[in-house]
Amino acid sequence: MSAALTQRGYSVTTGIYDHLPTRKAKAHHKLRYELADRFGSNGTAARIEHISARMRALVYEVKPDVALVVKGDLLDASVWQALDEVGASTTLWMYDEIRRTEWTPEKLKVCGAVASYSKADTAALNAAGVACAYVPLAFDASTQITQAPAVPEVSFIGARYPQREAL
């Protein structure tokens, strides 16, 4: 999305709030958040607080005119408040079914414009009083895709996660 917007002349700053780029980051995430949840501590709340603090800082640093938030269910209300404070026009785009997220129709009312790739979710959200537009999934035509060896038993359609590429 950032590449497409940049190609169209927009100045784009990307904040990937759930990215774990190194083994150290993945290990920290596993220990601090996932294992905490398993042993009765609220690791999810700590993760949301940590992610939200980073994204709030980015919002105040960049002061965007427009913010496109993808999924965003791990951002707390303070991030949406920060976006409002800097005057950003916000759109939340859901690339996953709402049932697979932490979103509820009530929580979505603070997000500005809402869009979903799911026709069923779009209809349900509109019926629940959340103005939601249908925006289907797409692909990045500029991505170079190499031909993998033919393995008819396995076919992935979706994000190019490193594990999928290796498989």
N, C-alpha and C. Protein backbone atom coordinates (compact mmCIF):
# COMPACT_ATOMS: atom_id res chain seq x y z
N MET A 1 0.82 -1.19 0.00
CA MET A 1 0.00 0.00 0.00
C MET A 1 0.87 1.25 0.00
N SER A 2 1.94 1.21 0.81
CA SER A 2 2.79 2.39 0.85
C SER A 2 3.47 2.61 -0.50
N ALA A 3 3.88 1.54 -1.17
CA ALA A 3 4.51 1.68 -2.49
C ALA A 3 3.52 2.28 -3.49
N ALA A 4 2.29 1.82 -3.47
CA ALA A 4 1.28 2.34 -4.39
C ALA A 4 1.01 3.82 -4.13
N LEU A 5 0.91 4.21 -2.88
CA LEU A 5 0.66 5.61 -2.55
C LEU A 5 1.86 6.48 -2.88
N THR A 6 3.05 5.96 -2.63
CA THR A 6 4.27 6.70 -2.99
C THR A 6 4.35 6.91 -4.49
N GLN A 7 4.03 5.87 -5.28
CA GLN A 7 4.04 5.99 -6.74
C GLN A 7 3.06 7.05 -7.23
N ARG A 8 2.03 7.29 -6.45
CA ARG A 8 1.03 8.30 -6.83
C ARG A 8 1.38 9.68 -6.28
N GLY A 9 2.58 9.82 -5.68
CA GLY A 9 3.06 11.13 -5.28
C GLY A 9 2.83 11.51 -3.83
N TYR A 10 2.32 10.61 -3.03
CA TYR A 10 2.10 10.93 -1.62
C TYR A 10 3.39 10.72 -0.83
N SER A 11 3.57 11.50 0.21
CA SER A 11 4.64 11.29 1.16
C SER A 11 4.11 10.29 2.18
N VAL A 12 4.75 9.14 2.30
CA VAL A 12 4.23 8.04 3.11
C VAL A 12 5.21 7.68 4.22
N THR A 13 4.68 7.56 5.42
CA THR A 13 5.42 7.01 6.55
C THR A 13 4.68 5.77 6.99
N THR A 14 5.37 4.66 7.07
CA THR A 14 4.73 3.40 7.44
C THR A 14 5.13 3.02 8.86
N GLY A 15 4.13 2.70 9.66
CA GLY A 15 4.36 2.21 11.02
C GLY A 15 3.80 0.80 11.11
N ILE A 16 4.66 -0.19 11.08
CA ILE A 16 4.20 -1.58 11.14
C ILE A 16 4.17 -1.97 12.61
N TYR A 17 2.98 -1.91 13.20
CA TYR A 17 2.89 -2.04 14.64
C TYR A 17 3.09 -3.45 15.17
N ASP A 18 2.94 -4.48 14.35
CA ASP A 18 3.07 -5.84 14.87
C ASP A 18 4.24 -6.60 14.24
N HIS A 19 5.19 -5.87 13.66
CA HIS A 19 6.32 -6.49 13.00
C HIS A 19 7.38 -6.92 14.01
N LEU A 20 7.87 -8.13 13.88
CA LEU A 20 8.94 -8.66 14.72
C LEU A 20 10.11 -9.03 13.81
N PRO A 21 11.01 -8.08 13.55
CA PRO A 21 12.00 -8.26 12.49
C PRO A 21 13.19 -9.17 12.82
N THR A 22 13.44 -9.42 14.10
CA THR A 22 14.62 -10.20 14.45
C THR A 22 14.23 -11.37 15.35
N ARG A 23 15.15 -12.32 15.48
CA ARG A 23 14.90 -13.44 16.40
C ARG A 23 14.78 -12.94 17.83
N LYS A 24 15.58 -11.94 18.16
CA LYS A 24 15.53 -11.36 19.51
C LYS A 24 14.15 -10.76 19.76
N ALA A 25 13.62 -10.03 18.80
CA ALA A 25 12.29 -9.43 18.94
C ALA A 25 11.22 -10.51 19.07
N LYS A 26 11.35 -11.58 18.30
CA LYS A 26 10.38 -12.68 18.37
C LYS A 26 10.46 -13.38 19.72
N ALA A 27 11.67 -13.60 20.21
CA ALA A 27 11.84 -14.25 21.52
C ALA A 27 11.27 -13.37 22.63
N HIS A 28 11.55 -12.08 22.57
CA HIS A 28 11.01 -11.15 23.56
C HIS A 28 9.49 -11.18 23.54
N HIS A 29 8.92 -11.15 22.35
CA HIS A 29 7.46 -11.19 22.21
C HIS A 29 6.90 -12.47 22.83
N LYS A 30 7.53 -13.59 22.53
CA LYS A 30 7.07 -14.88 23.06
C LYS A 30 7.11 -14.88 24.59
N LEU A 31 8.22 -14.43 25.15
CA LEU A 31 8.38 -14.45 26.61
C LEU A 31 7.50 -13.41 27.30
N ARG A 32 7.52 -12.20 26.80
CA ARG A 32 6.84 -11.08 27.47
C ARG A 32 5.33 -11.13 27.33
N TYR A 33 4.83 -11.56 26.18
CA TYR A 33 3.40 -11.46 25.94
C TYR A 33 2.69 -12.81 25.86
N GLU A 34 3.17 -13.71 25.00
CA GLU A 34 2.47 -14.98 24.82
C GLU A 34 2.54 -15.87 26.05
N LEU A 35 3.73 -16.03 26.62
CA LEU A 35 3.86 -16.87 27.81
C LEU A 35 3.17 -16.23 29.02
N ALA A 36 3.18 -14.92 29.08
CA ALA A 36 2.48 -14.24 30.17
C ALA A 36 0.99 -14.58 30.13
N ASP A 37 0.41 -14.59 28.95
CA ASP A 37 -1.00 -14.96 28.82
C ASP A 37 -1.24 -16.39 29.29
N ARG A 38 -0.33 -17.29 28.95
CA ARG A 38 -0.49 -18.71 29.32
C ARG A 38 -0.40 -18.93 30.82
N PHE A 39 0.35 -18.06 31.51
CA PHE A 39 0.56 -18.25 32.94
C PHE A 39 -0.25 -17.28 33.79
N GLY A 40 -1.32 -16.74 33.22
CA GLY A 40 -2.26 -15.97 34.01
C GLY A 40 -2.03 -14.47 34.09
N SER A 41 -0.92 -13.99 33.57
CA SER A 41 -0.69 -12.55 33.52
C SER A 41 -1.28 -12.04 32.21
N ASN A 42 -1.61 -10.78 32.16
CA ASN A 42 -2.26 -10.26 30.96
C ASN A 42 -1.23 -9.73 29.96
N GLY A 43 -0.62 -10.64 29.23
CA GLY A 43 0.36 -10.26 28.22
C GLY A 43 -0.25 -9.50 27.07
N THR A 44 -1.49 -9.82 26.72
CA THR A 44 -2.16 -9.12 25.62
C THR A 44 -2.32 -7.64 25.94
N ALA A 45 -2.73 -7.32 27.15
CA ALA A 45 -2.89 -5.92 27.55
C ALA A 45 -1.55 -5.20 27.50
N ALA A 46 -0.48 -5.86 27.95
CA ALA A 46 0.85 -5.25 27.91
C ALA A 46 1.30 -5.03 26.47
N ARG A 47 0.99 -5.98 25.60
CA ARG A 47 1.35 -5.85 24.19
C ARG A 47 0.60 -4.68 23.55
N ILE A 48 -0.68 -4.58 23.82
CA ILE A 48 -1.47 -3.47 23.27
C ILE A 48 -0.93 -2.13 23.77
N GLU A 49 -0.58 -2.06 25.05
CA GLU A 49 -0.03 -0.83 25.61
C GLU A 49 1.30 -0.46 24.93
N HIS A 50 2.17 -1.46 24.75
CA HIS A 50 3.48 -1.23 24.12
C HIS A 50 3.32 -0.77 22.67
N ILE A 51 2.51 -1.48 21.91
CA ILE A 51 2.28 -1.13 20.50
C ILE A 51 1.65 0.24 20.39
N SER A 52 0.67 0.52 21.22
CA SER A 52 -0.03 1.80 21.15
C SER A 52 0.89 2.96 21.49
N ALA A 53 1.77 2.78 22.46
CA ALA A 53 2.73 3.83 22.81
C ALA A 53 3.63 4.15 21.62
N ARG A 54 4.11 3.11 20.92
CA ARG A 54 4.97 3.33 19.75
C ARG A 54 4.22 4.06 18.64
N MET A 55 2.99 3.65 18.39
CA MET A 55 2.22 4.26 17.30
C MET A 55 1.79 5.68 17.66
N ARG A 56 1.46 5.93 18.93
CA ARG A 56 1.14 7.30 19.37
C ARG A 56 2.33 8.22 19.13
N ALA A 57 3.52 7.75 19.51
CA ALA A 57 4.74 8.55 19.31
C ALA A 57 4.94 8.85 17.83
N LEU A 58 4.69 7.86 16.98
CA LEU A 58 4.83 8.07 15.53
C LEU A 58 3.81 9.09 15.03
N VAL A 59 2.60 9.01 15.51
CA VAL A 59 1.55 9.96 15.11
C VAL A 59 1.97 11.38 15.47
N TYR A 60 2.44 11.58 16.71
CA TYR A 60 2.84 12.92 17.14
C TYR A 60 4.09 13.42 16.41
N GLU A 61 4.96 12.50 16.03
CA GLU A 61 6.17 12.88 15.27
C GLU A 61 5.82 13.27 13.84
N VAL A 62 5.02 12.46 13.16
CA VAL A 62 4.73 12.67 11.74
C VAL A 62 3.61 13.68 11.52
N LYS A 63 2.62 13.69 12.41
CA LYS A 63 1.44 14.55 12.26
C LYS A 63 0.81 14.39 10.87
N PRO A 64 0.34 13.19 10.58
CA PRO A 64 -0.18 12.93 9.23
C PRO A 64 -1.47 13.68 8.94
N ASP A 65 -1.65 14.01 7.68
CA ASP A 65 -2.92 14.57 7.22
C ASP A 65 -3.96 13.45 7.11
N VAL A 66 -3.48 12.28 6.67
CA VAL A 66 -4.34 11.13 6.45
C VAL A 66 -3.65 9.91 7.07
N ALA A 67 -4.44 9.06 7.73
CA ALA A 67 -3.89 7.82 8.27
C ALA A 67 -4.74 6.66 7.77
N LEU A 68 -4.09 5.73 7.11
CA LEU A 68 -4.74 4.48 6.70
C LEU A 68 -4.25 3.41 7.68
N VAL A 69 -5.15 2.93 8.49
CA VAL A 69 -4.82 1.91 9.48
C VAL A 69 -5.33 0.58 8.95
N VAL A 70 -4.45 -0.40 8.89
CA VAL A 70 -4.82 -1.71 8.40
C VAL A 70 -5.01 -2.63 9.61
N LYS A 71 -6.18 -3.16 9.74
CA LYS A 71 -6.64 -4.02 10.84
C LYS A 71 -6.72 -3.25 12.15
N GLY A 72 -5.60 -2.86 12.73
CA GLY A 72 -5.58 -1.93 13.86
C GLY A 72 -6.23 -2.38 15.16
N ASP A 73 -6.57 -3.65 15.29
CA ASP A 73 -7.27 -4.06 16.50
C ASP A 73 -6.36 -4.14 17.72
N LEU A 74 -5.06 -3.98 17.54
CA LEU A 74 -4.14 -3.96 18.67
C LEU A 74 -3.77 -2.54 19.09
N LEU A 75 -4.48 -1.57 18.54
CA LEU A 75 -4.26 -0.17 18.93
C LEU A 75 -5.34 0.23 19.91
N ASP A 76 -4.94 0.86 21.01
CA ASP A 76 -5.95 1.27 21.97
C ASP A 76 -6.52 2.64 21.59
N ALA A 77 -7.49 3.09 22.36
CA ALA A 77 -8.20 4.34 22.05
C ALA A 77 -7.27 5.55 22.03
N SER A 78 -6.14 5.48 22.74
CA SER A 78 -5.22 6.63 22.77
C SER A 78 -4.61 6.92 21.41
N VAL A 79 -4.45 5.89 20.58
CA VAL A 79 -3.90 6.10 19.24
C VAL A 79 -4.91 6.85 18.39
N TRP A 80 -6.17 6.45 18.46
CA TRP A 80 -7.21 7.13 17.70
C TRP A 80 -7.37 8.56 18.20
N GLN A 81 -7.21 8.78 19.51
CA GLN A 81 -7.27 10.13 20.07
C GLN A 81 -6.11 10.97 19.54
N ALA A 82 -4.91 10.38 19.48
CA ALA A 82 -3.75 11.10 18.95
C ALA A 82 -3.97 11.49 17.49
N LEU A 83 -4.51 10.57 16.70
CA LEU A 83 -4.80 10.87 15.30
C LEU A 83 -5.80 12.02 15.19
N ASP A 84 -6.79 12.02 16.07
CA ASP A 84 -7.77 13.11 16.10
C ASP A 84 -7.11 14.42 16.50
N GLU A 85 -6.23 14.37 17.50
CA GLU A 85 -5.56 15.59 17.99
C GLU A 85 -4.70 16.24 16.93
N VAL A 86 -4.04 15.45 16.08
CA VAL A 86 -3.19 16.04 15.04
C VAL A 86 -4.00 16.39 13.79
N GLY A 87 -5.29 16.10 13.81
CA GLY A 87 -6.17 16.46 12.70
C GLY A 87 -6.13 15.50 11.52
N ALA A 88 -5.70 14.27 11.75
CA ALA A 88 -5.61 13.30 10.66
C ALA A 88 -7.00 12.79 10.29
N SER A 89 -7.23 12.69 9.01
CA SER A 89 -8.41 12.00 8.51
C SER A 89 -8.07 10.52 8.51
N THR A 90 -8.87 9.70 9.18
CA THR A 90 -8.50 8.31 9.35
C THR A 90 -9.45 7.36 8.62
N THR A 91 -8.86 6.30 8.13
CA THR A 91 -9.62 5.19 7.55
C THR A 91 -9.03 3.91 8.09
N LEU A 92 -9.90 3.03 8.54
CA LEU A 92 -9.50 1.71 8.99
C LEU A 92 -9.93 0.73 7.92
N TRP A 93 -8.98 -0.09 7.44
CA TRP A 93 -9.32 -1.10 6.45
C TRP A 93 -9.10 -2.47 7.06
N MET A 94 -10.14 -3.26 7.05
CA MET A 94 -10.11 -4.61 7.60
C MET A 94 -9.86 -5.61 6.48
N TYR A 95 -8.72 -6.31 6.55
CA TYR A 95 -8.42 -7.35 5.57
C TYR A 95 -8.74 -8.73 6.12
N ASP A 96 -9.33 -8.76 7.29
CA ASP A 96 -9.68 -10.02 7.95
C ASP A 96 -11.11 -9.92 8.44
N GLU A 97 -11.75 -11.05 8.68
CA GLU A 97 -13.11 -11.02 9.21
C GLU A 97 -13.09 -10.43 10.61
N ILE A 98 -14.10 -9.65 10.92
CA ILE A 98 -14.16 -8.99 12.22
C ILE A 98 -14.13 -10.00 13.36
N ARG A 99 -14.69 -11.18 13.14
CA ARG A 99 -14.72 -12.20 14.19
C ARG A 99 -13.32 -12.70 14.55
N ARG A 100 -12.34 -12.47 13.68
CA ARG A 100 -10.96 -12.89 13.94
C ARG A 100 -10.14 -11.77 14.59
N THR A 101 -10.79 -10.70 14.95
CA THR A 101 -10.09 -9.54 15.51
C THR A 101 -10.66 -9.21 16.88
N GLU A 102 -10.11 -8.17 17.47
CA GLU A 102 -10.60 -7.67 18.75
C GLU A 102 -11.66 -6.59 18.57
N TRP A 103 -12.03 -6.30 17.33
CA TRP A 103 -12.99 -5.24 17.07
C TRP A 103 -14.42 -5.67 17.40
N THR A 104 -15.19 -4.70 17.85
CA THR A 104 -16.63 -4.83 17.99
C THR A 104 -17.23 -3.63 17.28
N PRO A 105 -18.50 -3.69 16.90
CA PRO A 105 -19.11 -2.50 16.28
C PRO A 105 -18.99 -1.25 17.16
N GLU A 106 -19.10 -1.40 18.48
CA GLU A 106 -18.99 -0.25 19.38
C GLU A 106 -17.60 0.37 19.32
N LYS A 107 -16.56 -0.48 19.35
CA LYS A 107 -15.19 0.03 19.30
C LYS A 107 -14.89 0.71 17.96
N LEU A 108 -15.48 0.22 16.88
CA LEU A 108 -15.19 0.76 15.55
C LEU A 108 -15.70 2.18 15.36
N LYS A 109 -16.60 2.62 16.20
CA LYS A 109 -17.18 3.96 16.03
C LYS A 109 -16.18 5.08 16.27
N VAL A 110 -15.00 4.79 16.86
CA VAL A 110 -13.98 5.82 17.09
C VAL A 110 -12.98 5.91 15.95
N CYS A 111 -13.12 5.10 14.93
CA CYS A 111 -12.07 4.94 13.91
C CYS A 111 -12.19 5.84 12.69
N GLY A 112 -13.17 6.68 12.60
CA GLY A 112 -13.35 7.43 11.37
C GLY A 112 -13.98 6.53 10.33
N ALA A 113 -13.52 6.62 9.11
CA ALA A 113 -14.06 5.78 8.04
C ALA A 113 -13.62 4.34 8.24
N VAL A 114 -14.50 3.40 7.93
CA VAL A 114 -14.20 1.98 8.06
C VAL A 114 -14.48 1.30 6.73
N ALA A 115 -13.57 0.43 6.33
CA ALA A 115 -13.75 -0.36 5.11
C ALA A 115 -13.38 -1.80 5.42
N SER A 116 -13.99 -2.73 4.69
CA SER A 116 -13.69 -4.14 4.89
C SER A 116 -13.65 -4.85 3.55
N TYR A 117 -12.82 -5.89 3.49
CA TYR A 117 -12.78 -6.71 2.28
C TYR A 117 -13.93 -7.71 2.27
N SER A 118 -14.60 -7.86 3.42
CA SER A 118 -15.65 -8.85 3.57
C SER A 118 -17.02 -8.24 3.29
N LYS A 119 -17.70 -8.74 2.27
CA LYS A 119 -19.04 -8.25 1.98
C LYS A 119 -19.98 -8.51 3.15
N ALA A 120 -19.85 -9.67 3.79
CA ALA A 120 -20.71 -10.01 4.92
C ALA A 120 -20.47 -9.06 6.09
N ASP A 121 -19.19 -8.79 6.41
CA ASP A 121 -18.88 -7.86 7.50
C ASP A 121 -19.37 -6.45 7.18
N THR A 122 -19.20 -6.03 5.93
CA THR A 122 -19.66 -4.71 5.52
C THR A 122 -21.15 -4.57 5.78
N ALA A 123 -21.92 -5.56 5.37
CA ALA A 123 -23.37 -5.52 5.58
C ALA A 123 -23.70 -5.54 7.07
N ALA A 124 -23.03 -6.40 7.84
CA ALA A 124 -23.31 -6.50 9.27
C ALA A 124 -22.95 -5.21 10.01
N LEU A 125 -21.82 -4.61 9.67
CA LEU A 125 -21.42 -3.37 10.32
C LEU A 125 -22.37 -2.24 9.99
N ASN A 126 -22.76 -2.13 8.73
CA ASN A 126 -23.72 -1.10 8.35
C ASN A 126 -25.04 -1.30 9.10
N ALA A 127 -25.48 -2.54 9.24
CA ALA A 127 -26.71 -2.83 9.98
C ALA A 127 -26.57 -2.47 11.47
N ALA A 128 -25.34 -2.55 11.99
CA ALA A 128 -25.09 -2.23 13.40
C ALA A 128 -24.83 -0.74 13.62
N GLY A 129 -24.94 0.06 12.57
CA GLY A 129 -24.75 1.49 12.71
C GLY A 129 -23.35 2.00 12.48
N VAL A 130 -22.47 1.15 11.98
CA VAL A 130 -21.10 1.57 11.65
C VAL A 130 -21.03 1.71 10.13
N ALA A 131 -20.83 2.93 9.66
CA ALA A 131 -20.72 3.15 8.23
C ALA A 131 -19.47 2.44 7.72
N CYS A 132 -19.66 1.46 6.87
CA CYS A 132 -18.55 0.64 6.39
C CYS A 132 -18.67 0.47 4.89
N ALA A 133 -17.56 0.71 4.20
CA ALA A 133 -17.52 0.54 2.75
C ALA A 133 -16.84 -0.78 2.42
N TYR A 134 -17.27 -1.38 1.33
CA TYR A 134 -16.65 -2.62 0.85
C TYR A 134 -15.48 -2.26 -0.05
N VAL A 135 -14.28 -2.71 0.32
CA VAL A 135 -13.08 -2.51 -0.49
C VAL A 135 -12.40 -3.87 -0.59
N PRO A 136 -12.45 -4.50 -1.76
CA PRO A 136 -11.91 -5.86 -1.88
C PRO A 136 -10.39 -5.90 -1.76
N LEU A 137 -9.90 -7.10 -1.53
CA LEU A 137 -8.45 -7.32 -1.51
C LEU A 137 -7.88 -7.04 -2.89
N ALA A 138 -6.59 -6.81 -2.93
CA ALA A 138 -5.93 -6.52 -4.20
C ALA A 138 -4.55 -7.17 -4.18
N PHE A 139 -3.74 -6.82 -5.14
CA PHE A 139 -2.38 -7.35 -5.18
C PHE A 139 -1.44 -6.25 -5.66
N ASP A 140 -0.16 -6.43 -5.40
CA ASP A 140 0.86 -5.48 -5.80
C ASP A 140 1.45 -5.94 -7.12
N ALA A 141 1.04 -5.29 -8.19
CA ALA A 141 1.49 -5.68 -9.53
C ALA A 141 2.99 -5.45 -9.72
N SER A 142 3.61 -4.63 -8.87
CA SER A 142 5.04 -4.37 -9.03
C SER A 142 5.91 -5.44 -8.35
N THR A 143 5.31 -6.33 -7.58
CA THR A 143 6.06 -7.39 -6.90
C THR A 143 6.53 -8.42 -7.92
N GLN A 144 7.82 -8.70 -7.87
CA GLN A 144 8.37 -9.72 -8.76
C GLN A 144 8.15 -11.09 -8.13
N ILE A 145 7.50 -11.97 -8.84
CA ILE A 145 7.22 -13.30 -8.33
C ILE A 145 8.02 -14.29 -9.17
N THR A 146 8.78 -15.13 -8.47
CA THR A 146 9.56 -16.13 -9.19
C THR A 146 8.79 -17.44 -9.18
N GLN A 147 9.01 -18.23 -10.20
CA GLN A 147 8.34 -19.52 -10.31
C GLN A 147 8.96 -20.50 -9.35
N ALA A 148 8.17 -21.05 -8.46
CA ALA A 148 8.64 -22.05 -7.52
C ALA A 148 8.50 -23.43 -8.17
N PRO A 149 9.24 -24.40 -7.68
CA PRO A 149 9.06 -25.76 -8.20
C PRO A 149 7.61 -26.20 -8.01
N ALA A 150 7.10 -26.92 -8.99
CA ALA A 150 5.71 -27.35 -8.93
C ALA A 150 5.52 -28.38 -7.82
N VAL A 151 4.64 -28.06 -6.89
CA VAL A 151 4.24 -28.97 -5.82
C VAL A 151 2.73 -28.88 -5.77
N PRO A 152 2.04 -29.76 -6.46
CA PRO A 152 0.59 -29.60 -6.59
C PRO A 152 -0.19 -29.72 -5.29
N GLU A 153 0.41 -30.29 -4.24
CA GLU A 153 -0.32 -30.45 -2.99
C GLU A 153 -0.39 -29.17 -2.17
N VAL A 154 0.45 -28.17 -2.46
CA VAL A 154 0.51 -26.97 -1.65
C VAL A 154 0.29 -25.74 -2.52
N SER A 155 -0.65 -24.92 -2.12
CA SER A 155 -0.88 -23.66 -2.81
C SER A 155 -1.25 -22.60 -1.79
N PHE A 156 -0.47 -21.52 -1.72
CA PHE A 156 -0.77 -20.42 -0.82
C PHE A 156 -1.22 -19.23 -1.63
N ILE A 157 -2.29 -18.64 -1.19
CA ILE A 157 -2.75 -17.40 -1.78
C ILE A 157 -2.86 -16.42 -0.64
N GLY A 158 -2.07 -15.38 -0.68
CA GLY A 158 -2.10 -14.42 0.42
C GLY A 158 -0.75 -13.75 0.56
N ALA A 159 -0.50 -13.26 1.76
CA ALA A 159 0.71 -12.50 2.03
C ALA A 159 1.95 -13.36 1.83
N ARG A 160 3.03 -12.71 1.40
CA ARG A 160 4.28 -13.41 1.14
C ARG A 160 5.10 -13.51 2.42
N TYR A 161 4.61 -14.28 3.39
CA TYR A 161 5.35 -14.50 4.61
C TYR A 161 6.58 -15.34 4.31
N PRO A 162 7.70 -15.08 5.02
CA PRO A 162 8.92 -15.84 4.74
C PRO A 162 8.72 -17.35 4.81
N GLN A 163 7.91 -17.83 5.76
CA GLN A 163 7.70 -19.27 5.88
C GLN A 163 6.99 -19.81 4.64
N ARG A 164 6.06 -19.05 4.09
CA ARG A 164 5.36 -19.49 2.89
C ARG A 164 6.32 -19.53 1.70
N GLU A 165 7.15 -18.52 1.60
CA GLU A 165 8.10 -18.49 0.49
C GLU A 165 9.07 -19.66 0.57
N ALA A 166 9.56 -19.95 1.78
CA ALA A 166 10.49 -21.06 1.94
C ALA A 166 9.82 -22.39 1.59
N LEU A 167 8.58 -22.55 2.02
CA LEU A 167 7.87 -23.80 1.72
C LEU A 167 7.64 -23.93 0.23
